[in-house]
Amino acid sequence: SIQYVARHYKIPQISYGATSTIFTSDQSEQYPYFVRTIPDLNSELHALARFIANQSWHRIALLYGTDRPNFYNVLKFGNSTREFGVEIVVQRAFVSGESNVDLRYQFDLIRNSSVRVIVFIGTIKDQQEVIRNCLLHARDLFSRGYQWIGVHNSMFQELYRNNSNDKIILEYHNWTEGFLGLQNFADENSEMYRQYKNRFWHSVSNDSDTLTINPTYRDSSVPLIANFAYDACFMFAHALHIMIEELGQDPTLEKHREKYMEVLKKVTFQGVTGNVSVNEDGDRSAPFDILNFVNGSLVKIGSITAE
């Protein structure tokens, strides 16, 4: 519905959190006023397939939830694995968002296939269902000799925490050991990021309305979603400056909005998430961190791009 309004009134939108392939290159003609500072899953899944191929893992299993965006995600991942010569030997779905799902059938297929690399695409809640089922019915599938891999949705410490009280679930914590996956990038060692992080935590500690973030975390990394939101604001600011100061055109007028969108897509700058720019489809090309769970912490072991 938001996209209908944007398309009808020619109002540009910058998303800092929508990664779905629904909005991306093969669908972009439906969303001509949509761009994003967060890399889309098309790029991430292609990078993931490339990473798997680079490890010489040529036979894998794929588990995924059945929500609508995942339909497109799985199609993209399948195309990318074929391009890199990786065979998906077992591909099984389960109902997304449900509790107490029974995955014994899916696990039996994986076990009988003799594959040793298992990829999961879905939400943290769905991944927790996978872990719960593994602990109940298939402990052998996360023992030595098996490698689980996920996308950015899974690469958070919330994966092994209780949703109601945030306490660590010890067996879930143990399951994540060695779990690999991709996560969105931020150059935390750059001077720009350090200054941005200081400003972020300072604003949080002085904002009485911000009750959900503990300011004692100021030594921690800024939440990833905030990084992309910050760069989205700067992307708009750069485009507005060009439109108003350099071109002398009012971007709020409908007759100038096509030009405004053209300018927006040509904006490029160094943000806290690296070099920020988009292609004609409004999608951003950026590296992804390769992360590994080690003793409950997420350890960066490398980075990779889609190309």
C-alpha atoms as a PDB file:
ATOM      1  CA  SER A   1       0.000   0.000   0.000  1.00  0.00           C
ATOM      2  CA  ILE A   2       2.875   2.363   0.781  1.00  0.00           C
ATOM      3  CA  GLN A   3       4.458   1.548  -2.557  1.00  0.00           C
ATOM      4  CA  TYR A   4       1.192   2.363  -4.346  1.00  0.00           C
ATOM      5  CA  VAL A   5       1.199   5.840  -2.793  1.00  0.00           C
ATOM      6  CA  ALA A   6       4.887   6.307  -3.602  1.00  0.00           C
ATOM      7  CA  ARG A   7       4.383   5.239  -7.218  1.00  0.00           C
ATOM      8  CA  HIS A   8       1.200   7.268  -7.732  1.00  0.00           C
ATOM      9  CA  TYR A   9       2.536  10.496  -6.210  1.00  0.00           C
ATOM     10  CA  LYS A  10       6.163   9.933  -7.282  1.00  0.00           C
ATOM     11  CA  ILE A  11       7.483  10.088  -3.718  1.00  0.00           C
ATOM     12  CA  PRO A  12      10.967   8.575  -3.279  1.00  0.00           C
ATOM     13  CA  GLN A  13      11.475   6.170  -0.401  1.00  0.00           C
ATOM     14  CA  ILE A  14      14.732   4.939   1.092  1.00  0.00           C
ATOM     15  CA  SER A  15      14.493   1.729   3.067  1.00  0.00           C
ATOM     16  CA  TYR A  16      17.099   0.882   5.691  1.00  0.00           C
ATOM     17  CA  GLY A  17      15.636  -2.505   6.630  1.00  0.00           C
ATOM     18  CA  ALA A  18      13.760  -4.141   3.730  1.00  0.00           C
ATOM     19  CA  THR A  19      16.060  -6.799   2.283  1.00  0.00           C
ATOM     20  CA  SER A  20      13.418  -8.855   0.466  1.00  0.00           C
ATOM     21  CA  THR A  21      14.062  -9.860  -3.127  1.00  0.00           C
ATOM     22  CA  ILE A  22      10.445  -8.865  -3.890  1.00  0.00           C
ATOM     23  CA  PHE A  23      11.541  -5.220  -4.179  1.00  0.00           C
ATOM     24  CA  THR A  24      14.705  -5.802  -6.126  1.00  0.00           C
ATOM     25  CA  SER A  25      15.980  -6.011  -9.695  1.00  0.00           C
ATOM     26  CA  ASP A  26      13.510  -8.474 -11.228  1.00  0.00           C
ATOM     27  CA  GLN A  27      10.596  -6.628  -9.604  1.00  0.00           C
ATOM     28  CA  SER A  28      11.943  -3.072  -9.614  1.00  0.00           C
ATOM     29  CA  GLU A  29       9.618  -1.836 -12.357  1.00  0.00           C
ATOM     30  CA  GLN A  30       6.778  -2.179  -9.834  1.00  0.00           C
ATOM     31  CA  TYR A  31       8.634  -0.028  -7.299  1.00  0.00           C
ATOM     32  CA  PRO A  32      10.281   2.763  -9.312  1.00  0.00           C
ATOM     33  CA  TYR A  33      10.526   5.136  -6.318  1.00  0.00           C
ATOM     34  CA  PHE A  34      12.070   2.604  -3.932  1.00  0.00           C
ATOM     35  CA  VAL A  35      15.773   2.515  -3.053  1.00  0.00           C
ATOM     36  CA  ARG A  36      17.584   1.121  -0.037  1.00  0.00           C
ATOM     37  CA  THR A  37      20.771   1.599   1.907  1.00  0.00           C
ATOM     38  CA  ILE A  38      20.694  -1.979   3.216  1.00  0.00           C
ATOM     39  CA  PRO A  39      21.930  -4.616   0.738  1.00  0.00           C
ATOM     40  CA  ASP A  40      19.143  -6.811  -0.591  1.00  0.00           C
ATOM     41  CA  LEU A  41      18.873 -10.571  -0.235  1.00  0.00           C
ATOM     42  CA  ASN A  42      19.523 -11.028  -3.953  1.00  0.00           C
ATOM     43  CA  SER A  43      23.077  -9.865  -3.320  1.00  0.00           C
ATOM     44  CA  GLU A  44      23.392 -11.678  -0.011  1.00  0.00           C
ATOM     45  CA  LEU A  45      22.160 -15.035  -1.304  1.00  0.00           C
ATOM     46  CA  HIS A  46      24.440 -14.782  -4.330  1.00  0.00           C
ATOM     47  CA  ALA A  47      27.353 -14.018  -2.011  1.00  0.00           C
ATOM     48  CA  LEU A  48      26.353 -16.932   0.216  1.00  0.00           C
ATOM     49  CA  ALA A  49      26.323 -19.335  -2.743  1.00  0.00           C
ATOM     50  CA  ARG A  50      29.706 -18.004  -3.784  1.00  0.00           C
ATOM     51  CA  PHE A  51      31.075 -18.515  -0.258  1.00  0.00           C
ATOM     52  CA  ILE A  52      29.807 -22.108  -0.192  1.00  0.00           C
ATOM     53  CA  ALA A  53      31.386 -22.837  -3.566  1.00  0.00           C
ATOM     54  CA  ASN A  54      34.672 -21.270  -2.425  1.00  0.00           C
ATOM     55  CA  GLN A  55      34.781 -23.796   0.424  1.00  0.00           C
ATOM     56  CA  SER A  56      34.378 -26.632  -2.121  1.00  0.00           C
ATOM     57  CA  TRP A  57      31.065 -27.630  -0.547  1.00  0.00           C
ATOM     58  CA  HIS A  58      29.337 -28.881  -3.684  1.00  0.00           C
ATOM     59  CA  ARG A  59      26.402 -30.773  -2.125  1.00  0.00           C
ATOM     60  CA  ILE A  60      24.141 -29.083   0.414  1.00  0.00           C
ATOM     61  CA  ALA A  61      20.722 -29.301   2.055  1.00  0.00           C
ATOM     62  CA  LEU A  62      18.354 -26.325   2.293  1.00  0.00           C
ATOM     63  CA  LEU A  63      15.733 -25.684   4.990  1.00  0.00           C
ATOM     64  CA  TYR A  64      13.500 -22.611   4.889  1.00  0.00           C
ATOM     65  CA  GLY A  65      10.278 -21.112   6.200  1.00  0.00           C
ATOM     66  CA  THR A  66       7.257 -20.707   3.942  1.00  0.00           C
ATOM     67  CA  ASP A  67       6.550 -16.984   4.290  1.00  0.00           C
ATOM     68  CA  ARG A  68       5.999 -15.170   0.967  1.00  0.00           C
ATOM     69  CA  PRO A  69       9.342 -13.321   0.759  1.00  0.00           C
ATOM     70  CA  ASN A  70      11.179 -16.599   1.259  1.00  0.00           C
ATOM     71  CA  PHE A  71       9.614 -17.980  -1.929  1.00  0.00           C
ATOM     72  CA  TYR A  72      11.623 -15.436  -3.926  1.00  0.00           C
ATOM     73  CA  ASN A  73      14.668 -15.832  -1.670  1.00  0.00           C
ATOM     74  CA  VAL A  74      14.821 -19.577  -2.280  1.00  0.00           C
ATOM     75  CA  LEU A  75      14.414 -19.114  -6.040  1.00  0.00           C
ATOM     76  CA  LYS A  76      17.320 -16.676  -6.041  1.00  0.00           C
ATOM     77  CA  PHE A  77      19.511 -18.927  -3.910  1.00  0.00           C
ATOM     78  CA  GLY A  78      18.759 -21.894  -6.170  1.00  0.00           C
ATOM     79  CA  ASN A  79      19.758 -19.927  -9.264  1.00  0.00           C
ATOM     80  CA  SER A  80      22.975 -18.788  -7.609  1.00  0.00           C
ATOM     81  CA  THR A  81      23.983 -22.247  -6.397  1.00  0.00           C
ATOM     82  CA  ARG A  82      23.524 -23.633  -9.912  1.00  0.00           C
ATOM     83  CA  GLU A  83      25.695 -20.846 -11.283  1.00  0.00           C
ATOM     84  CA  PHE A  84      28.489 -21.809  -8.874  1.00  0.00           C
ATOM     85  CA  GLY A  85      28.140 -25.555  -9.391  1.00  0.00           C
ATOM     86  CA  VAL A  86      26.612 -26.304  -5.986  1.00  0.00           C
ATOM     87  CA  GLU A  87      23.874 -28.958  -5.875  1.00  0.00           C
ATOM     88  CA  ILE A  88      20.952 -28.623  -3.451  1.00  0.00           C
ATOM     89  CA  VAL A  89      20.414 -32.310  -2.747  1.00  0.00           C
ATOM     90  CA  VAL A  90      17.579 -31.828  -0.239  1.00  0.00           C
ATOM     91  CA  GLN A  91      15.276 -28.794  -0.264  1.00  0.00           C
ATOM     92  CA  ARG A  92      12.478 -28.763   2.300  1.00  0.00           C
ATOM     93  CA  ALA A  93      10.229 -26.085   3.769  1.00  0.00           C
ATOM     94  CA  PHE A  94       8.165 -25.802   6.925  1.00  0.00           C
ATOM     95  CA  VAL A  95       5.403 -23.442   8.043  1.00  0.00           C
ATOM     96  CA  SER A  96       6.947 -20.130   9.046  1.00  0.00           C
ATOM     97  CA  GLY A  97       6.033 -18.515  12.363  1.00  0.00           C
ATOM     98  CA  GLU A  98       4.517 -21.642  13.891  1.00  0.00           C
ATOM     99  CA  SER A  99       5.498 -23.067  17.268  1.00  0.00           C
ATOM    100  CA  ASN A 100       6.085 -26.762  17.933  1.00  0.00           C
ATOM    101  CA  VAL A 101       6.698 -27.611  14.276  1.00  0.00           C
ATOM    102  CA  ASP A 102       7.743 -31.237  13.746  1.00  0.00           C
ATOM    103  CA  LEU A 103      10.802 -31.453  11.477  1.00  0.00           C
ATOM    104  CA  ARG A 104      11.585 -35.142  11.840  1.00  0.00           C
ATOM    105  CA  TYR A 105      10.679 -35.848   8.202  1.00  0.00           C
ATOM    106  CA  GLN A 106      12.939 -33.047   6.935  1.00  0.00           C
ATOM    107  CA  PHE A 107      15.787 -34.212   9.149  1.00  0.00           C
ATOM    108  CA  ASP A 108      15.418 -37.822   8.017  1.00  0.00           C
ATOM    109  CA  LEU A 109      15.758 -36.721   4.395  1.00  0.00           C
ATOM    110  CA  ILE A 110      18.887 -34.738   5.210  1.00  0.00           C
ATOM    111  CA  ARG A 111      20.391 -37.562   7.229  1.00  0.00           C
ATOM    112  CA  ASN A 112      19.739 -40.111   4.474  1.00  0.00           C
ATOM    113  CA  SER A 113      21.176 -37.841   1.775  1.00  0.00           C
ATOM    114  CA  SER A 114      24.671 -37.929   3.299  1.00  0.00           C
ATOM    115  CA  VAL A 115      25.137 -34.158   2.836  1.00  0.00           C
ATOM    116  CA  ARG A 116      27.149 -32.436   5.542  1.00  0.00           C
ATOM    117  CA  VAL A 117      26.343 -28.779   4.863  1.00  0.00           C
ATOM    118  CA  ILE A 118      22.882 -27.462   5.811  1.00  0.00           C
ATOM    119  CA  VAL A 119      21.701 -23.959   4.882  1.00  0.00           C
ATOM    120  CA  PHE A 120      18.800 -22.262   6.648  1.00  0.00           C
ATOM    121  CA  ILE A 121      16.914 -19.251   5.241  1.00  0.00           C
ATOM    122  CA  GLY A 122      14.329 -17.677   7.525  1.00  0.00           C
ATOM    123  CA  THR A 123      13.662 -15.722  10.691  1.00  0.00           C
ATOM    124  CA  ILE A 124      15.247 -16.118  14.119  1.00  0.00           C
ATOM    125  CA  LYS A 125      11.963 -17.578  15.411  1.00  0.00           C
ATOM    126  CA  ASP A 126      11.979 -20.203  12.658  1.00  0.00           C
ATOM    127  CA  GLN A 127      15.655 -20.925  13.263  1.00  0.00           C
ATOM    128  CA  GLN A 128      14.880 -21.506  16.948  1.00  0.00           C
ATOM    129  CA  GLU A 129      12.311 -24.080  15.863  1.00  0.00           C
ATOM    130  CA  VAL A 130      15.042 -25.782  13.844  1.00  0.00           C
ATOM    131  CA  ILE A 131      17.310 -25.818  16.902  1.00  0.00           C
ATOM    132  CA  ARG A 132      14.526 -27.145  19.151  1.00  0.00           C
ATOM    133  CA  ASN A 133      13.823 -29.962  16.683  1.00  0.00           C
ATOM    134  CA  CYS A 134      17.522 -30.761  16.359  1.00  0.00           C
ATOM    135  CA  LEU A 135      17.825 -31.115  20.112  1.00  0.00           C
ATOM    136  CA  LEU A 136      14.736 -33.335  20.287  1.00  0.00           C
ATOM    137  CA  HIS A 137      15.075 -35.499  17.196  1.00  0.00           C
ATOM    138  CA  ALA A 138      18.409 -35.041  15.422  1.00  0.00           C
ATOM    139  CA  ARG A 139      21.322 -34.321  17.721  1.00  0.00           C
ATOM    140  CA  ASP A 140      23.571 -36.067  15.240  1.00  0.00           C
ATOM    141  CA  LEU A 141      22.916 -33.299  12.691  1.00  0.00           C
ATOM    142  CA  PHE A 142      24.768 -30.681  14.702  1.00  0.00           C
ATOM    143  CA  SER A 143      27.601 -32.897  15.838  1.00  0.00           C
ATOM    144  CA  ARG A 144      31.127 -32.871  14.443  1.00  0.00           C
ATOM    145  CA  GLY A 145      31.116 -33.305  10.683  1.00  0.00           C
ATOM    146  CA  TYR A 146      28.046 -31.137   9.975  1.00  0.00           C
ATOM    147  CA  GLN A 147      28.149 -27.460   9.074  1.00  0.00           C
ATOM    148  CA  TRP A 148      25.101 -25.182   9.459  1.00  0.00           C
ATOM    149  CA  ILE A 149      24.983 -21.892   7.563  1.00  0.00           C
ATOM    150  CA  GLY A 150      22.523 -18.972   7.771  1.00  0.00           C
ATOM    151  CA  VAL A 151      21.761 -15.527   6.381  1.00  0.00           C
ATOM    152  CA  HIS A 152      21.808 -12.204   8.236  1.00  0.00           C
ATOM    153  CA  ASN A 153      18.449 -12.853   9.952  1.00  0.00           C
ATOM    154  CA  SER A 154      20.049 -15.669  11.953  1.00  0.00           C
ATOM    155  CA  MET A 155      23.338 -14.034  12.903  1.00  0.00           C
ATOM    156  CA  PHE A 156      22.362 -12.489  16.215  1.00  0.00           C
ATOM    157  CA  GLN A 157      22.905 -13.619  19.803  1.00  0.00           C
ATOM    158  CA  GLU A 158      19.122 -13.546  20.256  1.00  0.00           C
ATOM    159  CA  LEU A 159      19.238 -16.921  18.526  1.00  0.00           C
ATOM    160  CA  TYR A 160      20.070 -18.641  21.806  1.00  0.00           C
ATOM    161  CA  ARG A 161      18.067 -16.411  24.143  1.00  0.00           C
ATOM    162  CA  ASN A 162      14.583 -16.873  25.541  1.00  0.00           C
ATOM    163  CA  ASN A 163      12.161 -14.485  23.815  1.00  0.00           C
ATOM    164  CA  SER A 164      10.214 -13.768  27.005  1.00  0.00           C
ATOM    165  CA  ASN A 165      13.006 -13.075  29.504  1.00  0.00           C
ATOM    166  CA  ASP A 166      16.165 -12.727  27.347  1.00  0.00           C
ATOM    167  CA  LYS A 167      17.968 -15.399  29.357  1.00  0.00           C
ATOM    168  CA  ILE A 168      20.434 -17.710  27.656  1.00  0.00           C
ATOM    169  CA  ILE A 169      19.085 -21.147  26.738  1.00  0.00           C
ATOM    170  CA  LEU A 170      22.185 -23.242  27.352  1.00  0.00           C
ATOM    171  CA  GLU A 171      21.426 -25.997  24.837  1.00  0.00           C
ATOM    172  CA  TYR A 172      20.602 -23.426  22.138  1.00  0.00           C
ATOM    173  CA  HIS A 173      23.849 -21.655  23.002  1.00  0.00           C
ATOM    174  CA  ASN A 174      25.753 -24.913  22.539  1.00  0.00           C
ATOM    175  CA  TRP A 175      23.981 -25.606  19.230  1.00  0.00           C
ATOM    176  CA  THR A 176      25.169 -22.301  17.746  1.00  0.00           C
ATOM    177  CA  GLU A 177      28.846 -23.130  18.298  1.00  0.00           C
ATOM    178  CA  GLY A 178      30.479 -23.104  14.858  1.00  0.00           C
ATOM    179  CA  PHE A 179      27.322 -21.816  13.109  1.00  0.00           C
ATOM    180  CA  LEU A 180      28.404 -19.762  10.078  1.00  0.00           C
ATOM    181  CA  GLY A 181      26.572 -17.026   8.227  1.00  0.00           C
ATOM    182  CA  LEU A 182      26.627 -13.645   6.540  1.00  0.00           C
ATOM    183  CA  GLN A 183      25.808 -10.348   8.188  1.00  0.00           C
ATOM    184  CA  ASN A 184      25.575  -6.805   6.897  1.00  0.00           C
ATOM    185  CA  PHE A 185      28.758  -4.773   7.008  1.00  0.00           C
ATOM    186  CA  ALA A 186      29.849  -1.774   9.061  1.00  0.00           C
ATOM    187  CA  ASP A 187      33.462  -0.617   9.241  1.00  0.00           C
ATOM    188  CA  GLU A 188      33.648  -0.407  13.030  1.00  0.00           C
ATOM    189  CA  ASN A 189      37.364   0.430  12.956  1.00  0.00           C
ATOM    190  CA  SER A 190      36.927   3.601  10.905  1.00  0.00           C
ATOM    191  CA  GLU A 191      37.142   7.026  12.520  1.00  0.00           C
ATOM    192  CA  MET A 192      33.765   7.894  10.981  1.00  0.00           C
ATOM    193  CA  TYR A 193      32.131   4.922  12.698  1.00  0.00           C
ATOM    194  CA  ARG A 194      33.732   5.727  16.078  1.00  0.00           C
ATOM    195  CA  GLN A 195      32.459   9.300  15.967  1.00  0.00           C
ATOM    196  CA  TYR A 196      29.029   8.127  14.857  1.00  0.00           C
ATOM    197  CA  LYS A 197      28.897   5.531  17.671  1.00  0.00           C
ATOM    198  CA  ASN A 198      29.746   8.153  20.285  1.00  0.00           C
ATOM    199  CA  ARG A 199      27.005  10.453  18.979  1.00  0.00           C
ATOM    200  CA  PHE A 200      24.530   7.563  18.879  1.00  0.00           C
ATOM    201  CA  TRP A 201      25.009   6.489  22.499  1.00  0.00           C
ATOM    202  CA  HIS A 202      25.148  10.102  23.672  1.00  0.00           C
ATOM    203  CA  SER A 203      21.771  10.810  22.053  1.00  0.00           C
ATOM    204  CA  VAL A 204      20.298   7.635  23.533  1.00  0.00           C
ATOM    205  CA  SER A 205      21.465   8.440  27.065  1.00  0.00           C
ATOM    206  CA  ASN A 206      19.934  11.926  26.833  1.00  0.00           C
ATOM    207  CA  ASP A 207      16.612  10.860  25.290  1.00  0.00           C
ATOM    208  CA  SER A 208      14.051  10.162  28.000  1.00  0.00           C
ATOM    209  CA  ASP A 209      11.732   8.558  25.442  1.00  0.00           C
ATOM    210  CA  THR A 210      14.297   5.922  24.493  1.00  0.00           C
ATOM    211  CA  LEU A 211      13.658   3.333  27.173  1.00  0.00           C
ATOM    212  CA  THR A 212      14.447   0.154  25.302  1.00  0.00           C
ATOM    213  CA  ILE A 213      18.208   0.720  24.899  1.00  0.00           C
ATOM    214  CA  ASN A 214      20.445   0.621  27.964  1.00  0.00           C
ATOM    215  CA  PRO A 215      23.003   3.455  27.714  1.00  0.00           C
ATOM    216  CA  THR A 216      25.539   1.310  29.593  1.00  0.00           C
ATOM    217  CA  TYR A 217      25.936  -0.516  26.261  1.00  0.00           C
ATOM    218  CA  ARG A 218      27.763   2.495  24.801  1.00  0.00           C
ATOM    219  CA  ASP A 219      30.941   0.424  24.396  1.00  0.00           C
ATOM    220  CA  SER A 220      28.973  -2.009  22.237  1.00  0.00           C
ATOM    221  CA  SER A 221      28.360  -1.810  18.529  1.00  0.00           C
ATOM    222  CA  VAL A 222      25.404   0.265  17.380  1.00  0.00           C
ATOM    223  CA  PRO A 223      22.425  -1.906  16.333  1.00  0.00           C
ATOM    224  CA  LEU A 224      22.924  -2.769  12.662  1.00  0.00           C
ATOM    225  CA  ILE A 225      19.562  -1.386  11.590  1.00  0.00           C
ATOM    226  CA  ALA A 226      20.540   2.024  13.004  1.00  0.00           C
ATOM    227  CA  ASN A 227      23.644   2.106  10.796  1.00  0.00           C
ATOM    228  CA  PHE A 228      21.567   1.806   7.637  1.00  0.00           C
ATOM    229  CA  ALA A 229      18.962   4.281   8.929  1.00  0.00           C
ATOM    230  CA  TYR A 230      21.735   6.812   9.551  1.00  0.00           C
ATOM    231  CA  ASP A 231      23.075   6.406   6.022  1.00  0.00           C
ATOM    232  CA  ALA A 232      19.531   6.646   4.609  1.00  0.00           C
ATOM    233  CA  CYS A 233      19.110  10.063   6.249  1.00  0.00           C
ATOM    234  CA  PHE A 234      22.407  11.238   4.770  1.00  0.00           C
ATOM    235  CA  MET A 235      21.429   9.920   1.355  1.00  0.00           C
ATOM    236  CA  PHE A 236      18.295  12.083   1.436  1.00  0.00           C
ATOM    237  CA  ALA A 237      20.347  15.033   2.702  1.00  0.00           C
ATOM    238  CA  HIS A 238      22.833  14.759  -0.170  1.00  0.00           C
ATOM    239  CA  ALA A 239      20.014  14.569  -2.730  1.00  0.00           C
ATOM    240  CA  LEU A 240      18.164  17.524  -1.186  1.00  0.00           C
ATOM    241  CA  HIS A 241      21.331  19.615  -1.222  1.00  0.00           C
ATOM    242  CA  ILE A 242      21.874  18.918  -4.919  1.00  0.00           C
ATOM    243  CA  MET A 243      18.241  19.616  -5.815  1.00  0.00           C
ATOM    244  CA  ILE A 244      17.887  22.843  -3.825  1.00  0.00           C
ATOM    245  CA  GLU A 245      21.375  24.372  -3.697  1.00  0.00           C
ATOM    246  CA  GLU A 246      22.844  23.216  -7.009  1.00  0.00           C
ATOM    247  CA  LEU A 247      19.847  22.803  -9.322  1.00  0.00           C
ATOM    248  CA  GLY A 248      17.503  25.314  -7.704  1.00  0.00           C
ATOM    249  CA  GLN A 249      14.532  22.930  -7.919  1.00  0.00           C
ATOM    250  CA  ASP A 250      11.974  22.258  -5.208  1.00  0.00           C
ATOM    251  CA  PRO A 251      11.784  18.457  -4.723  1.00  0.00           C
ATOM    252  CA  THR A 252       8.408  18.751  -2.991  1.00  0.00           C
ATOM    253  CA  LEU A 253       6.789  19.807  -6.267  1.00  0.00           C
ATOM    254  CA  GLU A 254       5.459  16.894  -8.304  1.00  0.00           C
ATOM    255  CA  LYS A 255       6.952  18.221 -11.536  1.00  0.00           C
ATOM    256  CA  HIS A 256      10.448  17.903 -10.027  1.00  0.00           C
ATOM    257  CA  ARG A 257      10.110  14.494  -8.383  1.00  0.00           C
ATOM    258  CA  GLU A 258      11.347  12.445 -11.320  1.00  0.00           C
ATOM    259  CA  LYS A 259      14.480  14.587 -11.330  1.00  0.00           C
ATOM    260  CA  TYR A 260      14.706  14.180  -7.555  1.00  0.00           C
ATOM    261  CA  MET A 261      14.648  10.398  -7.953  1.00  0.00           C
ATOM    262  CA  GLU A 262      17.269  10.584 -10.690  1.00  0.00           C
ATOM    263  CA  VAL A 263      19.519  12.637  -8.402  1.00  0.00           C
ATOM    264  CA  LEU A 264      18.912  10.293  -5.476  1.00  0.00           C
ATOM    265  CA  LYS A 265      20.075   7.285  -7.480  1.00  0.00           C
ATOM    266  CA  LYS A 266      23.304   9.087  -8.396  1.00  0.00           C
ATOM    267  CA  VAL A 267      24.210  10.027  -4.824  1.00  0.00           C
ATOM    268  CA  THR A 268      27.417   8.431  -3.585  1.00  0.00           C
ATOM    269  CA  PHE A 269      29.220   9.031  -0.295  1.00  0.00           C
ATOM    270  CA  GLN A 270      31.232   7.263   2.402  1.00  0.00           C
ATOM    271  CA  GLY A 271      28.835   6.258   5.157  1.00  0.00           C
ATOM    272  CA  VAL A 272      29.128   4.250   8.354  1.00  0.00           C
ATOM    273  CA  THR A 273      28.228   1.132   6.354  1.00  0.00           C
ATOM    274  CA  GLY A 274      30.890   1.767   3.730  1.00  0.00           C
ATOM    275  CA  ASN A 275      30.511   3.362   0.315  1.00  0.00           C
ATOM    276  CA  VAL A 276      26.822   4.183  -0.204  1.00  0.00           C
ATOM    277  CA  SER A 277      25.414   4.199  -3.725  1.00  0.00           C
ATOM    278  CA  VAL A 278      22.652   2.383  -5.597  1.00  0.00           C
ATOM    279  CA  ASN A 279      22.175   1.075  -9.124  1.00  0.00           C
ATOM    280  CA  GLU A 280      19.333   1.888 -11.513  1.00  0.00           C
ATOM    281  CA  ASP A 281      17.097  -0.616  -9.714  1.00  0.00           C
ATOM    282  CA  GLY A 282      17.651   1.181  -6.412  1.00  0.00           C
ATOM    283  CA  ASP A 283      19.724  -1.691  -5.008  1.00  0.00           C
ATOM    284  CA  ARG A 284      23.006  -1.304  -3.207  1.00  0.00           C
ATOM    285  CA  SER A 285      26.158  -3.323  -3.724  1.00  0.00           C
ATOM    286  CA  ALA A 286      28.113  -3.813  -0.496  1.00  0.00           C
ATOM    287  CA  PRO A 287      30.304  -6.451   1.144  1.00  0.00           C
ATOM    288  CA  PHE A 288      29.014  -8.876   3.734  1.00  0.00           C
ATOM    289  CA  ASP A 289      30.829 -10.003   6.856  1.00  0.00           C
ATOM    290  CA  ILE A 290      31.345 -13.747   7.274  1.00  0.00           C
ATOM    291  CA  LEU A 291      30.601 -14.530  10.919  1.00  0.00           C
ATOM    292  CA  ASN A 292      31.084 -17.571  13.121  1.00  0.00           C
ATOM    293  CA  PHE A 293      29.553 -18.247  16.533  1.00  0.00           C
ATOM    294  CA  VAL A 294      32.449 -18.937  18.944  1.00  0.00           C
ATOM    295  CA  ASN A 295      31.610 -19.407  22.645  1.00  0.00           C
ATOM    296  CA  GLY A 296      28.409 -17.453  22.109  1.00  0.00           C
ATOM    297  CA  SER A 297      30.101 -14.484  20.459  1.00  0.00           C
ATOM    298  CA  LEU A 298      29.918 -13.540  16.801  1.00  0.00           C
ATOM    299  CA  VAL A 299      33.441 -13.531  15.389  1.00  0.00           C
ATOM    300  CA  LYS A 300      34.214 -12.019  11.992  1.00  0.00           C
ATOM    301  CA  ILE A 301      36.336 -14.417   9.957  1.00  0.00           C
ATOM    302  CA  GLY A 302      36.244 -12.631   6.614  1.00  0.00           C
ATOM    303  CA  SER A 303      34.112 -10.718   4.134  1.00  0.00           C
ATOM    304  CA  ILE A 304      32.659 -11.423   0.714  1.00  0.00           C
ATOM    305  CA  THR A 305      30.791  -9.624  -2.054  1.00  0.00           C
ATOM    306  CA  ALA A 306      28.185 -10.869  -4.486  1.00  0.00           C
ATOM    307  CA  GLU A 307      30.505 -10.373  -7.465  1.00  0.00           C
END
